[in-house]
Amino acid sequence: RALDQAREAGDEVRAHQIQAEIDHH
C-alpha cells in the first residue's frame, strides 16, 4: 500500500526504497 501511495504521488525515490524493503523483508 505504501508503494502504491508513493507511485501515485510520483515519488520514485520513496517507491524505490519501499521496493528494496519488500525485496529484503
PDBML (XML) file of the C-alpha atoms, coordinates in Angstrom:
<?xml version="1.0" encoding="UTF-8" ?>
<PDBx:datablock datablockName="MODEL"
   xmlns:PDBx="http://pdbml.pdb.org/schema/pdbx-v50.xsd"
   xmlns:xsi="http://www.w3.org/2001/XMLSchema-instance"
   xsi:schemaLocation="http://pdbml.pdb.org/schema/pdbx-v50.xsd pdbx-v50.xsd">
   <PDBx:atom_siteCategory>
      <PDBx:atom_site id="1">
         <PDBx:B_iso_or_equiv>0.00</PDBx:B_iso_or_equiv>
         <PDBx:Cartn_x>0.000</PDBx:Cartn_x>
         <PDBx:Cartn_y>0.000</PDBx:Cartn_y>
         <PDBx:Cartn_z>0.000</PDBx:Cartn_z>
         <PDBx:auth_asym_id>A</PDBx:auth_asym_id>
         <PDBx:auth_atom_id>CA</PDBx:auth_atom_id>
         <PDBx:auth_comp_id>ARG</PDBx:auth_comp_id>
         <PDBx:auth_seq_id>1</PDBx:auth_seq_id>
         <PDBx:group_PDB>ATOM</PDBx:group_PDB>
         <PDBx:label_alt_id xsi:nil="true" />
         <PDBx:label_asym_id>A</PDBx:label_asym_id>
         <PDBx:label_atom_id>CA</PDBx:label_atom_id>
         <PDBx:label_comp_id>ARG</PDBx:label_comp_id>
         <PDBx:label_entity_id>1</PDBx:label_entity_id>
         <PDBx:label_seq_id>1</PDBx:label_seq_id>
         <PDBx:occupancy>1.00</PDBx:occupancy>
         <PDBx:pdbx_PDB_model_num>1</PDBx:pdbx_PDB_model_num>
         <PDBx:type_symbol>C</PDBx:type_symbol>
      </PDBx:atom_site>
      <PDBx:atom_site id="2">
         <PDBx:B_iso_or_equiv>0.00</PDBx:B_iso_or_equiv>
         <PDBx:Cartn_x>2.852</PDBx:Cartn_x>
         <PDBx:Cartn_y>2.355</PDBx:Cartn_y>
         <PDBx:Cartn_z>0.784</PDBx:Cartn_z>
         <PDBx:auth_asym_id>A</PDBx:auth_asym_id>
         <PDBx:auth_atom_id>CA</PDBx:auth_atom_id>
         <PDBx:auth_comp_id>ALA</PDBx:auth_comp_id>
         <PDBx:auth_seq_id>2</PDBx:auth_seq_id>
         <PDBx:group_PDB>ATOM</PDBx:group_PDB>
         <PDBx:label_alt_id xsi:nil="true" />
         <PDBx:label_asym_id>A</PDBx:label_asym_id>
         <PDBx:label_atom_id>CA</PDBx:label_atom_id>
         <PDBx:label_comp_id>ALA</PDBx:label_comp_id>
         <PDBx:label_entity_id>1</PDBx:label_entity_id>
         <PDBx:label_seq_id>2</PDBx:label_seq_id>
         <PDBx:occupancy>1.00</PDBx:occupancy>
         <PDBx:pdbx_PDB_model_num>1</PDBx:pdbx_PDB_model_num>
         <PDBx:type_symbol>C</PDBx:type_symbol>
      </PDBx:atom_site>
      <PDBx:atom_site id="3">
         <PDBx:B_iso_or_equiv>0.00</PDBx:B_iso_or_equiv>
         <PDBx:Cartn_x>4.375</PDBx:Cartn_x>
         <PDBx:Cartn_y>1.520</PDBx:Cartn_y>
         <PDBx:Cartn_z>-2.605</PDBx:Cartn_z>
         <PDBx:auth_asym_id>A</PDBx:auth_asym_id>
         <PDBx:auth_atom_id>CA</PDBx:auth_atom_id>
         <PDBx:auth_comp_id>LEU</PDBx:auth_comp_id>
         <PDBx:auth_seq_id>3</PDBx:auth_seq_id>
         <PDBx:group_PDB>ATOM</PDBx:group_PDB>
         <PDBx:label_alt_id xsi:nil="true" />
         <PDBx:label_asym_id>A</PDBx:label_asym_id>
         <PDBx:label_atom_id>CA</PDBx:label_atom_id>
         <PDBx:label_comp_id>LEU</PDBx:label_comp_id>
         <PDBx:label_entity_id>1</PDBx:label_entity_id>
         <PDBx:label_seq_id>3</PDBx:label_seq_id>
         <PDBx:occupancy>1.00</PDBx:occupancy>
         <PDBx:pdbx_PDB_model_num>1</PDBx:pdbx_PDB_model_num>
         <PDBx:type_symbol>C</PDBx:type_symbol>
      </PDBx:atom_site>
      <PDBx:atom_site id="4">
         <PDBx:B_iso_or_equiv>0.00</PDBx:B_iso_or_equiv>
         <PDBx:Cartn_x>1.101</PDBx:Cartn_x>
         <PDBx:Cartn_y>2.348</PDBx:Cartn_y>
         <PDBx:Cartn_z>-4.343</PDBx:Cartn_z>
         <PDBx:auth_asym_id>A</PDBx:auth_asym_id>
         <PDBx:auth_atom_id>CA</PDBx:auth_atom_id>
         <PDBx:auth_comp_id>ASP</PDBx:auth_comp_id>
         <PDBx:auth_seq_id>4</PDBx:auth_seq_id>
         <PDBx:group_PDB>ATOM</PDBx:group_PDB>
         <PDBx:label_alt_id xsi:nil="true" />
         <PDBx:label_asym_id>A</PDBx:label_asym_id>
         <PDBx:label_atom_id>CA</PDBx:label_atom_id>
         <PDBx:label_comp_id>ASP</PDBx:label_comp_id>
         <PDBx:label_entity_id>1</PDBx:label_entity_id>
         <PDBx:label_seq_id>4</PDBx:label_seq_id>
         <PDBx:occupancy>1.00</PDBx:occupancy>
         <PDBx:pdbx_PDB_model_num>1</PDBx:pdbx_PDB_model_num>
         <PDBx:type_symbol>C</PDBx:type_symbol>
      </PDBx:atom_site>
      <PDBx:atom_site id="5">
         <PDBx:B_iso_or_equiv>0.00</PDBx:B_iso_or_equiv>
         <PDBx:Cartn_x>0.896</PDBx:Cartn_x>
         <PDBx:Cartn_y>5.665</PDBx:Cartn_y>
         <PDBx:Cartn_z>-2.486</PDBx:Cartn_z>
         <PDBx:auth_asym_id>A</PDBx:auth_asym_id>
         <PDBx:auth_atom_id>CA</PDBx:auth_atom_id>
         <PDBx:auth_comp_id>GLN</PDBx:auth_comp_id>
         <PDBx:auth_seq_id>5</PDBx:auth_seq_id>
         <PDBx:group_PDB>ATOM</PDBx:group_PDB>
         <PDBx:label_alt_id xsi:nil="true" />
         <PDBx:label_asym_id>A</PDBx:label_asym_id>
         <PDBx:label_atom_id>CA</PDBx:label_atom_id>
         <PDBx:label_comp_id>GLN</PDBx:label_comp_id>
         <PDBx:label_entity_id>1</PDBx:label_entity_id>
         <PDBx:label_seq_id>5</PDBx:label_seq_id>
         <PDBx:occupancy>1.00</PDBx:occupancy>
         <PDBx:pdbx_PDB_model_num>1</PDBx:pdbx_PDB_model_num>
         <PDBx:type_symbol>C</PDBx:type_symbol>
      </PDBx:atom_site>
      <PDBx:atom_site id="6">
         <PDBx:B_iso_or_equiv>0.00</PDBx:B_iso_or_equiv>
         <PDBx:Cartn_x>4.473</PDBx:Cartn_x>
         <PDBx:Cartn_y>6.561</PDBx:Cartn_y>
         <PDBx:Cartn_z>-3.452</PDBx:Cartn_z>
         <PDBx:auth_asym_id>A</PDBx:auth_asym_id>
         <PDBx:auth_atom_id>CA</PDBx:auth_atom_id>
         <PDBx:auth_comp_id>ALA</PDBx:auth_comp_id>
         <PDBx:auth_seq_id>6</PDBx:auth_seq_id>
         <PDBx:group_PDB>ATOM</PDBx:group_PDB>
         <PDBx:label_alt_id xsi:nil="true" />
         <PDBx:label_asym_id>A</PDBx:label_asym_id>
         <PDBx:label_atom_id>CA</PDBx:label_atom_id>
         <PDBx:label_comp_id>ALA</PDBx:label_comp_id>
         <PDBx:label_entity_id>1</PDBx:label_entity_id>
         <PDBx:label_seq_id>6</PDBx:label_seq_id>
         <PDBx:occupancy>1.00</PDBx:occupancy>
         <PDBx:pdbx_PDB_model_num>1</PDBx:pdbx_PDB_model_num>
         <PDBx:type_symbol>C</PDBx:type_symbol>
      </PDBx:atom_site>
      <PDBx:atom_site id="7">
         <PDBx:B_iso_or_equiv>0.00</PDBx:B_iso_or_equiv>
         <PDBx:Cartn_x>3.741</PDBx:Cartn_x>
         <PDBx:Cartn_y>5.790</PDBx:Cartn_y>
         <PDBx:Cartn_z>-7.079</PDBx:Cartn_z>
         <PDBx:auth_asym_id>A</PDBx:auth_asym_id>
         <PDBx:auth_atom_id>CA</PDBx:auth_atom_id>
         <PDBx:auth_comp_id>ARG</PDBx:auth_comp_id>
         <PDBx:auth_seq_id>7</PDBx:auth_seq_id>
         <PDBx:group_PDB>ATOM</PDBx:group_PDB>
         <PDBx:label_alt_id xsi:nil="true" />
         <PDBx:label_asym_id>A</PDBx:label_asym_id>
         <PDBx:label_atom_id>CA</PDBx:label_atom_id>
         <PDBx:label_comp_id>ARG</PDBx:label_comp_id>
         <PDBx:label_entity_id>1</PDBx:label_entity_id>
         <PDBx:label_seq_id>7</PDBx:label_seq_id>
         <PDBx:occupancy>1.00</PDBx:occupancy>
         <PDBx:pdbx_PDB_model_num>1</PDBx:pdbx_PDB_model_num>
         <PDBx:type_symbol>C</PDBx:type_symbol>
      </PDBx:atom_site>
      <PDBx:atom_site id="8">
         <PDBx:B_iso_or_equiv>0.00</PDBx:B_iso_or_equiv>
         <PDBx:Cartn_x>0.542</PDBx:Cartn_x>
         <PDBx:Cartn_y>7.849</PDBx:Cartn_y>
         <PDBx:Cartn_z>-7.044</PDBx:Cartn_z>
         <PDBx:auth_asym_id>A</PDBx:auth_asym_id>
         <PDBx:auth_atom_id>CA</PDBx:auth_atom_id>
         <PDBx:auth_comp_id>GLU</PDBx:auth_comp_id>
         <PDBx:auth_seq_id>8</PDBx:auth_seq_id>
         <PDBx:group_PDB>ATOM</PDBx:group_PDB>
         <PDBx:label_alt_id xsi:nil="true" />
         <PDBx:label_asym_id>A</PDBx:label_asym_id>
         <PDBx:label_atom_id>CA</PDBx:label_atom_id>
         <PDBx:label_comp_id>GLU</PDBx:label_comp_id>
         <PDBx:label_entity_id>1</PDBx:label_entity_id>
         <PDBx:label_seq_id>8</PDBx:label_seq_id>
         <PDBx:occupancy>1.00</PDBx:occupancy>
         <PDBx:pdbx_PDB_model_num>1</PDBx:pdbx_PDB_model_num>
         <PDBx:type_symbol>C</PDBx:type_symbol>
      </PDBx:atom_site>
      <PDBx:atom_site id="9">
         <PDBx:B_iso_or_equiv>0.00</PDBx:B_iso_or_equiv>
         <PDBx:Cartn_x>2.483</PDBx:Cartn_x>
         <PDBx:Cartn_y>10.765</PDBx:Cartn_y>
         <PDBx:Cartn_z>-5.563</PDBx:Cartn_z>
         <PDBx:auth_asym_id>A</PDBx:auth_asym_id>
         <PDBx:auth_atom_id>CA</PDBx:auth_atom_id>
         <PDBx:auth_comp_id>ALA</PDBx:auth_comp_id>
         <PDBx:auth_seq_id>9</PDBx:auth_seq_id>
         <PDBx:group_PDB>ATOM</PDBx:group_PDB>
         <PDBx:label_alt_id xsi:nil="true" />
         <PDBx:label_asym_id>A</PDBx:label_asym_id>
         <PDBx:label_atom_id>CA</PDBx:label_atom_id>
         <PDBx:label_comp_id>ALA</PDBx:label_comp_id>
         <PDBx:label_entity_id>1</PDBx:label_entity_id>
         <PDBx:label_seq_id>9</PDBx:label_seq_id>
         <PDBx:occupancy>1.00</PDBx:occupancy>
         <PDBx:pdbx_PDB_model_num>1</PDBx:pdbx_PDB_model_num>
         <PDBx:type_symbol>C</PDBx:type_symbol>
      </PDBx:atom_site>
      <PDBx:atom_site id="10">
         <PDBx:B_iso_or_equiv>0.00</PDBx:B_iso_or_equiv>
         <PDBx:Cartn_x>5.154</PDBx:Cartn_x>
         <PDBx:Cartn_y>10.394</PDBx:Cartn_y>
         <PDBx:Cartn_z>-8.237</PDBx:Cartn_z>
         <PDBx:auth_asym_id>A</PDBx:auth_asym_id>
         <PDBx:auth_atom_id>CA</PDBx:auth_atom_id>
         <PDBx:auth_comp_id>GLY</PDBx:auth_comp_id>
         <PDBx:auth_seq_id>10</PDBx:auth_seq_id>
         <PDBx:group_PDB>ATOM</PDBx:group_PDB>
         <PDBx:label_alt_id xsi:nil="true" />
         <PDBx:label_asym_id>A</PDBx:label_asym_id>
         <PDBx:label_atom_id>CA</PDBx:label_atom_id>
         <PDBx:label_comp_id>GLY</PDBx:label_comp_id>
         <PDBx:label_entity_id>1</PDBx:label_entity_id>
         <PDBx:label_seq_id>10</PDBx:label_seq_id>
         <PDBx:occupancy>1.00</PDBx:occupancy>
         <PDBx:pdbx_PDB_model_num>1</PDBx:pdbx_PDB_model_num>
         <PDBx:type_symbol>C</PDBx:type_symbol>
      </PDBx:atom_site>
      <PDBx:atom_site id="11">
         <PDBx:B_iso_or_equiv>0.00</PDBx:B_iso_or_equiv>
         <PDBx:Cartn_x>7.836</PDBx:Cartn_x>
         <PDBx:Cartn_y>9.851</PDBx:Cartn_y>
         <PDBx:Cartn_z>-5.572</PDBx:Cartn_z>
         <PDBx:auth_asym_id>A</PDBx:auth_asym_id>
         <PDBx:auth_atom_id>CA</PDBx:auth_atom_id>
         <PDBx:auth_comp_id>ASP</PDBx:auth_comp_id>
         <PDBx:auth_seq_id>11</PDBx:auth_seq_id>
         <PDBx:group_PDB>ATOM</PDBx:group_PDB>
         <PDBx:label_alt_id xsi:nil="true" />
         <PDBx:label_asym_id>A</PDBx:label_asym_id>
         <PDBx:label_atom_id>CA</PDBx:label_atom_id>
         <PDBx:label_comp_id>ASP</PDBx:label_comp_id>
         <PDBx:label_entity_id>1</PDBx:label_entity_id>
         <PDBx:label_seq_id>11</PDBx:label_seq_id>
         <PDBx:occupancy>1.00</PDBx:occupancy>
         <PDBx:pdbx_PDB_model_num>1</PDBx:pdbx_PDB_model_num>
         <PDBx:type_symbol>C</PDBx:type_symbol>
      </PDBx:atom_site>
      <PDBx:atom_site id="12">
         <PDBx:B_iso_or_equiv>0.00</PDBx:B_iso_or_equiv>
         <PDBx:Cartn_x>10.199</PDBx:Cartn_x>
         <PDBx:Cartn_y>7.493</PDBx:Cartn_y>
         <PDBx:Cartn_z>-7.370</PDBx:Cartn_z>
         <PDBx:auth_asym_id>A</PDBx:auth_asym_id>
         <PDBx:auth_atom_id>CA</PDBx:auth_atom_id>
         <PDBx:auth_comp_id>GLU</PDBx:auth_comp_id>
         <PDBx:auth_seq_id>12</PDBx:auth_seq_id>
         <PDBx:group_PDB>ATOM</PDBx:group_PDB>
         <PDBx:label_alt_id xsi:nil="true" />
         <PDBx:label_asym_id>A</PDBx:label_asym_id>
         <PDBx:label_atom_id>CA</PDBx:label_atom_id>
         <PDBx:label_comp_id>GLU</PDBx:label_comp_id>
         <PDBx:label_entity_id>1</PDBx:label_entity_id>
         <PDBx:label_seq_id>12</PDBx:label_seq_id>
         <PDBx:occupancy>1.00</PDBx:occupancy>
         <PDBx:pdbx_PDB_model_num>1</PDBx:pdbx_PDB_model_num>
         <PDBx:type_symbol>C</PDBx:type_symbol>
      </PDBx:atom_site>
      <PDBx:atom_site id="13">
         <PDBx:B_iso_or_equiv>0.00</PDBx:B_iso_or_equiv>
         <PDBx:Cartn_x>12.864</PDBx:Cartn_x>
         <PDBx:Cartn_y>7.654</PDBx:Cartn_y>
         <PDBx:Cartn_z>-4.666</PDBx:Cartn_z>
         <PDBx:auth_asym_id>A</PDBx:auth_asym_id>
         <PDBx:auth_atom_id>CA</PDBx:auth_atom_id>
         <PDBx:auth_comp_id>VAL</PDBx:auth_comp_id>
         <PDBx:auth_seq_id>13</PDBx:auth_seq_id>
         <PDBx:group_PDB>ATOM</PDBx:group_PDB>
         <PDBx:label_alt_id xsi:nil="true" />
         <PDBx:label_asym_id>A</PDBx:label_asym_id>
         <PDBx:label_atom_id>CA</PDBx:label_atom_id>
         <PDBx:label_comp_id>VAL</PDBx:label_comp_id>
         <PDBx:label_entity_id>1</PDBx:label_entity_id>
         <PDBx:label_seq_id>13</PDBx:label_seq_id>
         <PDBx:occupancy>1.00</PDBx:occupancy>
         <PDBx:pdbx_PDB_model_num>1</PDBx:pdbx_PDB_model_num>
         <PDBx:type_symbol>C</PDBx:type_symbol>
      </PDBx:atom_site>
      <PDBx:atom_site id="14">
         <PDBx:B_iso_or_equiv>0.00</PDBx:B_iso_or_equiv>
         <PDBx:Cartn_x>10.398</PDBx:Cartn_x>
         <PDBx:Cartn_y>6.564</PDBx:Cartn_y>
         <PDBx:Cartn_z>-1.991</PDBx:Cartn_z>
         <PDBx:auth_asym_id>A</PDBx:auth_asym_id>
         <PDBx:auth_atom_id>CA</PDBx:auth_atom_id>
         <PDBx:auth_comp_id>ARG</PDBx:auth_comp_id>
         <PDBx:auth_seq_id>14</PDBx:auth_seq_id>
         <PDBx:group_PDB>ATOM</PDBx:group_PDB>
         <PDBx:label_alt_id xsi:nil="true" />
         <PDBx:label_asym_id>A</PDBx:label_asym_id>
         <PDBx:label_atom_id>CA</PDBx:label_atom_id>
         <PDBx:label_comp_id>ARG</PDBx:label_comp_id>
         <PDBx:label_entity_id>1</PDBx:label_entity_id>
         <PDBx:label_seq_id>14</PDBx:label_seq_id>
         <PDBx:occupancy>1.00</PDBx:occupancy>
         <PDBx:pdbx_PDB_model_num>1</PDBx:pdbx_PDB_model_num>
         <PDBx:type_symbol>C</PDBx:type_symbol>
      </PDBx:atom_site>
      <PDBx:atom_site id="15">
         <PDBx:B_iso_or_equiv>0.00</PDBx:B_iso_or_equiv>
         <PDBx:Cartn_x>8.983</PDBx:Cartn_x>
         <PDBx:Cartn_y>3.887</PDBx:Cartn_y>
         <PDBx:Cartn_z>-4.280</PDBx:Cartn_z>
         <PDBx:auth_asym_id>A</PDBx:auth_asym_id>
         <PDBx:auth_atom_id>CA</PDBx:auth_atom_id>
         <PDBx:auth_comp_id>ALA</PDBx:auth_comp_id>
         <PDBx:auth_seq_id>15</PDBx:auth_seq_id>
         <PDBx:group_PDB>ATOM</PDBx:group_PDB>
         <PDBx:label_alt_id xsi:nil="true" />
         <PDBx:label_asym_id>A</PDBx:label_asym_id>
         <PDBx:label_atom_id>CA</PDBx:label_atom_id>
         <PDBx:label_comp_id>ALA</PDBx:label_comp_id>
         <PDBx:label_entity_id>1</PDBx:label_entity_id>
         <PDBx:label_seq_id>15</PDBx:label_seq_id>
         <PDBx:occupancy>1.00</PDBx:occupancy>
         <PDBx:pdbx_PDB_model_num>1</PDBx:pdbx_PDB_model_num>
         <PDBx:type_symbol>C</PDBx:type_symbol>
      </PDBx:atom_site>
      <PDBx:atom_site id="16">
         <PDBx:B_iso_or_equiv>0.00</PDBx:B_iso_or_equiv>
         <PDBx:Cartn_x>12.495</PDBx:Cartn_x>
         <PDBx:Cartn_y>2.520</PDBx:Cartn_y>
         <PDBx:Cartn_z>-4.837</PDBx:Cartn_z>
         <PDBx:auth_asym_id>A</PDBx:auth_asym_id>
         <PDBx:auth_atom_id>CA</PDBx:auth_atom_id>
         <PDBx:auth_comp_id>HIS</PDBx:auth_comp_id>
         <PDBx:auth_seq_id>16</PDBx:auth_seq_id>
         <PDBx:group_PDB>ATOM</PDBx:group_PDB>
         <PDBx:label_alt_id xsi:nil="true" />
         <PDBx:label_asym_id>A</PDBx:label_asym_id>
         <PDBx:label_atom_id>CA</PDBx:label_atom_id>
         <PDBx:label_comp_id>HIS</PDBx:label_comp_id>
         <PDBx:label_entity_id>1</PDBx:label_entity_id>
         <PDBx:label_seq_id>16</PDBx:label_seq_id>
         <PDBx:occupancy>1.00</PDBx:occupancy>
         <PDBx:pdbx_PDB_model_num>1</PDBx:pdbx_PDB_model_num>
         <PDBx:type_symbol>C</PDBx:type_symbol>
      </PDBx:atom_site>
      <PDBx:atom_site id="17">
         <PDBx:B_iso_or_equiv>0.00</PDBx:B_iso_or_equiv>
         <PDBx:Cartn_x>13.147</PDBx:Cartn_x>
         <PDBx:Cartn_y>2.468</PDBx:Cartn_y>
         <PDBx:Cartn_z>-1.064</PDBx:Cartn_z>
         <PDBx:auth_asym_id>A</PDBx:auth_asym_id>
         <PDBx:auth_atom_id>CA</PDBx:auth_atom_id>
         <PDBx:auth_comp_id>GLN</PDBx:auth_comp_id>
         <PDBx:auth_seq_id>17</PDBx:auth_seq_id>
         <PDBx:group_PDB>ATOM</PDBx:group_PDB>
         <PDBx:label_alt_id xsi:nil="true" />
         <PDBx:label_asym_id>A</PDBx:label_asym_id>
         <PDBx:label_atom_id>CA</PDBx:label_atom_id>
         <PDBx:label_comp_id>GLN</PDBx:label_comp_id>
         <PDBx:label_entity_id>1</PDBx:label_entity_id>
         <PDBx:label_seq_id>17</PDBx:label_seq_id>
         <PDBx:occupancy>1.00</PDBx:occupancy>
         <PDBx:pdbx_PDB_model_num>1</PDBx:pdbx_PDB_model_num>
         <PDBx:type_symbol>C</PDBx:type_symbol>
      </PDBx:atom_site>
      <PDBx:atom_site id="18">
         <PDBx:B_iso_or_equiv>0.00</PDBx:B_iso_or_equiv>
         <PDBx:Cartn_x>9.923</PDBx:Cartn_x>
         <PDBx:Cartn_y>0.581</PDBx:Cartn_y>
         <PDBx:Cartn_z>-0.397</PDBx:Cartn_z>
         <PDBx:auth_asym_id>A</PDBx:auth_asym_id>
         <PDBx:auth_atom_id>CA</PDBx:auth_atom_id>
         <PDBx:auth_comp_id>ILE</PDBx:auth_comp_id>
         <PDBx:auth_seq_id>18</PDBx:auth_seq_id>
         <PDBx:group_PDB>ATOM</PDBx:group_PDB>
         <PDBx:label_alt_id xsi:nil="true" />
         <PDBx:label_asym_id>A</PDBx:label_asym_id>
         <PDBx:label_atom_id>CA</PDBx:label_atom_id>
         <PDBx:label_comp_id>ILE</PDBx:label_comp_id>
         <PDBx:label_entity_id>1</PDBx:label_entity_id>
         <PDBx:label_seq_id>18</PDBx:label_seq_id>
         <PDBx:occupancy>1.00</PDBx:occupancy>
         <PDBx:pdbx_PDB_model_num>1</PDBx:pdbx_PDB_model_num>
         <PDBx:type_symbol>C</PDBx:type_symbol>
      </PDBx:atom_site>
      <PDBx:atom_site id="19">
         <PDBx:B_iso_or_equiv>0.00</PDBx:B_iso_or_equiv>
         <PDBx:Cartn_x>10.647</PDBx:Cartn_x>
         <PDBx:Cartn_y>-1.941</PDBx:Cartn_y>
         <PDBx:Cartn_z>-3.124</PDBx:Cartn_z>
         <PDBx:auth_asym_id>A</PDBx:auth_asym_id>
         <PDBx:auth_atom_id>CA</PDBx:auth_atom_id>
         <PDBx:auth_comp_id>GLN</PDBx:auth_comp_id>
         <PDBx:auth_seq_id>19</PDBx:auth_seq_id>
         <PDBx:group_PDB>ATOM</PDBx:group_PDB>
         <PDBx:label_alt_id xsi:nil="true" />
         <PDBx:label_asym_id>A</PDBx:label_asym_id>
         <PDBx:label_atom_id>CA</PDBx:label_atom_id>
         <PDBx:label_comp_id>GLN</PDBx:label_comp_id>
         <PDBx:label_entity_id>1</PDBx:label_entity_id>
         <PDBx:label_seq_id>19</PDBx:label_seq_id>
         <PDBx:occupancy>1.00</PDBx:occupancy>
         <PDBx:pdbx_PDB_model_num>1</PDBx:pdbx_PDB_model_num>
         <PDBx:type_symbol>C</PDBx:type_symbol>
      </PDBx:atom_site>
      <PDBx:atom_site id="20">
         <PDBx:B_iso_or_equiv>0.00</PDBx:B_iso_or_equiv>
         <PDBx:Cartn_x>14.037</PDBx:Cartn_x>
         <PDBx:Cartn_y>-2.595</PDBx:Cartn_y>
         <PDBx:Cartn_z>-1.523</PDBx:Cartn_z>
         <PDBx:auth_asym_id>A</PDBx:auth_asym_id>
         <PDBx:auth_atom_id>CA</PDBx:auth_atom_id>
         <PDBx:auth_comp_id>ALA</PDBx:auth_comp_id>
         <PDBx:auth_seq_id>20</PDBx:auth_seq_id>
         <PDBx:group_PDB>ATOM</PDBx:group_PDB>
         <PDBx:label_alt_id xsi:nil="true" />
         <PDBx:label_asym_id>A</PDBx:label_asym_id>
         <PDBx:label_atom_id>CA</PDBx:label_atom_id>
         <PDBx:label_comp_id>ALA</PDBx:label_comp_id>
         <PDBx:label_entity_id>1</PDBx:label_entity_id>
         <PDBx:label_seq_id>20</PDBx:label_seq_id>
         <PDBx:occupancy>1.00</PDBx:occupancy>
         <PDBx:pdbx_PDB_model_num>1</PDBx:pdbx_PDB_model_num>
         <PDBx:type_symbol>C</PDBx:type_symbol>
      </PDBx:atom_site>
      <PDBx:atom_site id="21">
         <PDBx:B_iso_or_equiv>0.00</PDBx:B_iso_or_equiv>
         <PDBx:Cartn_x>12.246</PDBx:Cartn_x>
         <PDBx:Cartn_y>-3.199</PDBx:Cartn_y>
         <PDBx:Cartn_z>1.808</PDBx:Cartn_z>
         <PDBx:auth_asym_id>A</PDBx:auth_asym_id>
         <PDBx:auth_atom_id>CA</PDBx:auth_atom_id>
         <PDBx:auth_comp_id>GLU</PDBx:auth_comp_id>
         <PDBx:auth_seq_id>21</PDBx:auth_seq_id>
         <PDBx:group_PDB>ATOM</PDBx:group_PDB>
         <PDBx:label_alt_id xsi:nil="true" />
         <PDBx:label_asym_id>A</PDBx:label_asym_id>
         <PDBx:label_atom_id>CA</PDBx:label_atom_id>
         <PDBx:label_comp_id>GLU</PDBx:label_comp_id>
         <PDBx:label_entity_id>1</PDBx:label_entity_id>
         <PDBx:label_seq_id>21</PDBx:label_seq_id>
         <PDBx:occupancy>1.00</PDBx:occupancy>
         <PDBx:pdbx_PDB_model_num>1</PDBx:pdbx_PDB_model_num>
         <PDBx:type_symbol>C</PDBx:type_symbol>
      </PDBx:atom_site>
      <PDBx:atom_site id="22">
         <PDBx:B_iso_or_equiv>0.00</PDBx:B_iso_or_equiv>
         <PDBx:Cartn_x>9.980</PDBx:Cartn_x>
         <PDBx:Cartn_y>-5.701</PDBx:Cartn_y>
         <PDBx:Cartn_z>0.072</PDBx:Cartn_z>
         <PDBx:auth_asym_id>A</PDBx:auth_asym_id>
         <PDBx:auth_atom_id>CA</PDBx:auth_atom_id>
         <PDBx:auth_comp_id>ILE</PDBx:auth_comp_id>
         <PDBx:auth_seq_id>22</PDBx:auth_seq_id>
         <PDBx:group_PDB>ATOM</PDBx:group_PDB>
         <PDBx:label_alt_id xsi:nil="true" />
         <PDBx:label_asym_id>A</PDBx:label_asym_id>
         <PDBx:label_atom_id>CA</PDBx:label_atom_id>
         <PDBx:label_comp_id>ILE</PDBx:label_comp_id>
         <PDBx:label_entity_id>1</PDBx:label_entity_id>
         <PDBx:label_seq_id>22</PDBx:label_seq_id>
         <PDBx:occupancy>1.00</PDBx:occupancy>
         <PDBx:pdbx_PDB_model_num>1</PDBx:pdbx_PDB_model_num>
         <PDBx:type_symbol>C</PDBx:type_symbol>
      </PDBx:atom_site>
      <PDBx:atom_site id="23">
         <PDBx:B_iso_or_equiv>0.00</PDBx:B_iso_or_equiv>
         <PDBx:Cartn_x>12.964</PDBx:Cartn_x>
         <PDBx:Cartn_y>-7.478</PDBx:Cartn_y>
         <PDBx:Cartn_z>-1.516</PDBx:Cartn_z>
         <PDBx:auth_asym_id>A</PDBx:auth_asym_id>
         <PDBx:auth_atom_id>CA</PDBx:auth_atom_id>
         <PDBx:auth_comp_id>ASP</PDBx:auth_comp_id>
         <PDBx:auth_seq_id>23</PDBx:auth_seq_id>
         <PDBx:group_PDB>ATOM</PDBx:group_PDB>
         <PDBx:label_alt_id xsi:nil="true" />
         <PDBx:label_asym_id>A</PDBx:label_asym_id>
         <PDBx:label_atom_id>CA</PDBx:label_atom_id>
         <PDBx:label_comp_id>ASP</PDBx:label_comp_id>
         <PDBx:label_entity_id>1</PDBx:label_entity_id>
         <PDBx:label_seq_id>23</PDBx:label_seq_id>
         <PDBx:occupancy>1.00</PDBx:occupancy>
         <PDBx:pdbx_PDB_model_num>1</PDBx:pdbx_PDB_model_num>
         <PDBx:type_symbol>C</PDBx:type_symbol>
      </PDBx:atom_site>
      <PDBx:atom_site id="24">
         <PDBx:B_iso_or_equiv>0.00</PDBx:B_iso_or_equiv>
         <PDBx:Cartn_x>14.729</PDBx:Cartn_x>
         <PDBx:Cartn_y>-7.725</PDBx:Cartn_y>
         <PDBx:Cartn_z>1.861</PDBx:Cartn_z>
         <PDBx:auth_asym_id>A</PDBx:auth_asym_id>
         <PDBx:auth_atom_id>CA</PDBx:auth_atom_id>
         <PDBx:auth_comp_id>HIS</PDBx:auth_comp_id>
         <PDBx:auth_seq_id>24</PDBx:auth_seq_id>
         <PDBx:group_PDB>ATOM</PDBx:group_PDB>
         <PDBx:label_alt_id xsi:nil="true" />
         <PDBx:label_asym_id>A</PDBx:label_asym_id>
         <PDBx:label_atom_id>CA</PDBx:label_atom_id>
         <PDBx:label_comp_id>HIS</PDBx:label_comp_id>
         <PDBx:label_entity_id>1</PDBx:label_entity_id>
         <PDBx:label_seq_id>24</PDBx:label_seq_id>
         <PDBx:occupancy>1.00</PDBx:occupancy>
         <PDBx:pdbx_PDB_model_num>1</PDBx:pdbx_PDB_model_num>
         <PDBx:type_symbol>C</PDBx:type_symbol>
      </PDBx:atom_site>
      <PDBx:atom_site id="25">
         <PDBx:B_iso_or_equiv>0.00</PDBx:B_iso_or_equiv>
         <PDBx:Cartn_x>11.685</PDBx:Cartn_x>
         <PDBx:Cartn_y>-8.453</PDBx:Cartn_y>
         <PDBx:Cartn_z>4.011</PDBx:Cartn_z>
         <PDBx:auth_asym_id>A</PDBx:auth_asym_id>
         <PDBx:auth_atom_id>CA</PDBx:auth_atom_id>
         <PDBx:auth_comp_id>HIS</PDBx:auth_comp_id>
         <PDBx:auth_seq_id>25</PDBx:auth_seq_id>
         <PDBx:group_PDB>ATOM</PDBx:group_PDB>
         <PDBx:label_alt_id xsi:nil="true" />
         <PDBx:label_asym_id>A</PDBx:label_asym_id>
         <PDBx:label_atom_id>CA</PDBx:label_atom_id>
         <PDBx:label_comp_id>HIS</PDBx:label_comp_id>
         <PDBx:label_entity_id>1</PDBx:label_entity_id>
         <PDBx:label_seq_id>25</PDBx:label_seq_id>
         <PDBx:occupancy>1.00</PDBx:occupancy>
         <PDBx:pdbx_PDB_model_num>1</PDBx:pdbx_PDB_model_num>
         <PDBx:type_symbol>C</PDBx:type_symbol>
      </PDBx:atom_site>
   </PDBx:atom_siteCategory>
</PDBx:datablock>
